[in-house]
Amino acid sequence: MVRGNLTTFAFSWFGVRIGEKSGSWLESKAEIFGGVVLILIGVKMLVV
């Protein structure tokens, strides 16, 4: 159980560090991607 907690902590920590380094570069792309995903979810809800 401790190993799983340490693994989760390590991946989270590395994700935060990578996000800090690449955040400004990916910011506009992430906003566009998030908007597209929300639009697709809305379309799916209307169709189904």
N, C-alpha and C. Protein backbone atom coordinates (compact mmCIF):
# COMPACT_ATOMS: atom_id res chain seq x y z
N MET A 1 0.82 -1.18 0.00
CA MET A 1 0.00 0.00 0.00
C MET A 1 0.87 1.26 0.00
N VAL A 2 1.95 1.21 0.73
CA VAL A 2 2.84 2.37 0.78
C VAL A 2 3.47 2.61 -0.60
N ARG A 3 3.79 1.52 -1.30
CA ARG A 3 4.39 1.68 -2.62
C ARG A 3 3.43 2.36 -3.59
N GLY A 4 2.16 2.02 -3.50
CA GLY A 4 1.16 2.66 -4.35
C GLY A 4 1.03 4.14 -4.05
N ASN A 5 1.07 4.49 -2.76
CA ASN A 5 1.00 5.89 -2.38
C ASN A 5 2.22 6.66 -2.87
N LEU A 6 3.39 6.04 -2.75
CA LEU A 6 4.61 6.70 -3.22
C LEU A 6 4.61 6.87 -4.73
N THR A 7 4.10 5.87 -5.44
CA THR A 7 4.02 5.96 -6.90
C THR A 7 3.08 7.09 -7.30
N THR A 8 1.93 7.18 -6.66
CA THR A 8 0.98 8.24 -6.95
C THR A 8 1.58 9.60 -6.66
N PHE A 9 2.26 9.73 -5.54
CA PHE A 9 2.91 10.99 -5.19
C PHE A 9 3.97 11.36 -6.23
N ALA A 10 4.78 10.39 -6.65
CA ALA A 10 5.84 10.66 -7.61
C ALA A 10 5.27 11.14 -8.94
N PHE A 11 4.25 10.46 -9.45
CA PHE A 11 3.65 10.86 -10.72
C PHE A 11 3.01 12.24 -10.61
N SER A 12 2.35 12.51 -9.50
CA SER A 12 1.73 13.82 -9.29
C SER A 12 2.79 14.91 -9.23
N TRP A 13 3.86 14.66 -8.50
CA TRP A 13 4.93 15.64 -8.36
C TRP A 13 5.58 15.94 -9.71
N PHE A 14 5.88 14.88 -10.49
CA PHE A 14 6.47 15.08 -11.81
C PHE A 14 5.50 15.81 -12.74
N GLY A 15 4.22 15.50 -12.65
CA GLY A 15 3.23 16.18 -13.47
C GLY A 15 3.15 17.66 -13.18
N VAL A 16 3.21 18.01 -11.91
CA VAL A 16 3.20 19.43 -11.53
C VAL A 16 4.45 20.12 -12.06
N ARG A 17 5.61 19.50 -11.91
CA ARG A 17 6.86 20.11 -12.38
C ARG A 17 6.85 20.28 -13.90
N ILE A 18 6.39 19.28 -14.62
CA ILE A 18 6.31 19.38 -16.08
C ILE A 18 5.31 20.47 -16.47
N GLY A 19 4.19 20.54 -15.76
CA GLY A 19 3.19 21.57 -16.04
C GLY A 19 3.72 22.97 -15.81
N GLU A 20 4.53 23.15 -14.78
CA GLU A 20 5.13 24.46 -14.54
C GLU A 20 6.05 24.88 -15.68
N LYS A 21 6.80 23.94 -16.21
CA LYS A 21 7.75 24.25 -17.29
C LYS A 21 7.04 24.51 -18.62
N SER A 22 6.01 23.74 -18.93
CA SER A 22 5.37 23.83 -20.24
C SER A 22 4.02 24.52 -20.21
N GLY A 23 3.63 25.05 -19.08
CA GLY A 23 2.30 25.63 -18.95
C GLY A 23 2.02 26.78 -19.89
N SER A 24 2.93 27.72 -19.99
CA SER A 24 2.70 28.88 -20.86
C SER A 24 2.71 28.48 -22.32
N TRP A 25 3.52 27.49 -22.67
CA TRP A 25 3.59 27.05 -24.06
C TRP A 25 2.32 26.32 -24.48
N LEU A 26 1.74 25.53 -23.57
CA LEU A 26 0.55 24.73 -23.90
C LEU A 26 -0.76 25.43 -23.56
N GLU A 27 -0.71 26.59 -22.94
CA GLU A 27 -1.92 27.22 -22.42
C GLU A 27 -2.99 27.43 -23.49
N SER A 28 -2.63 28.05 -24.61
CA SER A 28 -3.63 28.32 -25.63
C SER A 28 -4.16 27.04 -26.26
N LYS A 29 -3.28 26.07 -26.46
CA LYS A 29 -3.70 24.80 -27.05
C LYS A 29 -4.65 24.05 -26.11
N ALA A 30 -4.38 24.12 -24.81
CA ALA A 30 -5.22 23.44 -23.83
C ALA A 30 -6.60 24.09 -23.78
N GLU A 31 -6.67 25.41 -23.88
CA GLU A 31 -7.97 26.09 -23.88
C GLU A 31 -8.79 25.69 -25.08
N ILE A 32 -8.18 25.63 -26.25
CA ILE A 32 -8.89 25.23 -27.46
C ILE A 32 -9.36 23.78 -27.35
N PHE A 33 -8.49 22.91 -26.89
CA PHE A 33 -8.83 21.49 -26.74
C PHE A 33 -9.99 21.33 -25.75
N GLY A 34 -9.93 22.03 -24.63
CA GLY A 34 -11.00 21.94 -23.64
C GLY A 34 -12.32 22.43 -24.19
N GLY A 35 -12.29 23.51 -24.96
CA GLY A 35 -13.51 24.02 -25.58
C GLY A 35 -14.11 23.03 -26.56
N VAL A 36 -13.26 22.41 -27.36
CA VAL A 36 -13.74 21.42 -28.33
C VAL A 36 -14.36 20.23 -27.61
N VAL A 37 -13.73 19.78 -26.54
CA VAL A 37 -14.27 18.65 -25.78
C VAL A 37 -15.64 19.01 -25.21
N LEU A 38 -15.78 20.20 -24.65
CA LEU A 38 -17.08 20.60 -24.10
C LEU A 38 -18.16 20.70 -25.18
N ILE A 39 -17.80 21.21 -26.34
CA ILE A 39 -18.76 21.28 -27.45
C ILE A 39 -19.18 19.88 -27.88
N LEU A 40 -18.22 18.96 -27.99
CA LEU A 40 -18.55 17.59 -28.39
C LEU A 40 -19.44 16.89 -27.35
N ILE A 41 -19.21 17.14 -26.08
CA ILE A 41 -20.06 16.57 -25.03
C ILE A 41 -21.48 17.12 -25.17
N GLY A 42 -21.60 18.43 -25.42
CA GLY A 42 -22.93 19.03 -25.60
C GLY A 42 -23.65 18.47 -26.81
N VAL A 43 -22.94 18.30 -27.91
CA VAL A 43 -23.55 17.73 -29.12
C VAL A 43 -24.02 16.30 -28.87
N LYS A 44 -23.20 15.53 -28.18
CA LYS A 44 -23.56 14.14 -27.88
C LYS A 44 -24.81 14.09 -27.01
N MET A 45 -24.91 15.01 -26.04
CA MET A 45 -26.09 15.04 -25.17
C MET A 45 -27.34 15.40 -25.97
N LEU A 46 -27.22 16.28 -26.94
CA LEU A 46 -28.38 16.65 -27.74
C LEU A 46 -28.81 15.52 -28.68
N VAL A 47 -27.85 14.80 -29.23
CA VAL A 47 -28.15 13.74 -30.19
C VAL A 47 -28.72 12.52 -29.50
N VAL A 48 -28.18 12.15 -28.38
CA VAL A 48 -28.60 10.91 -27.71
C VAL A 48 -29.73 11.14 -26.78
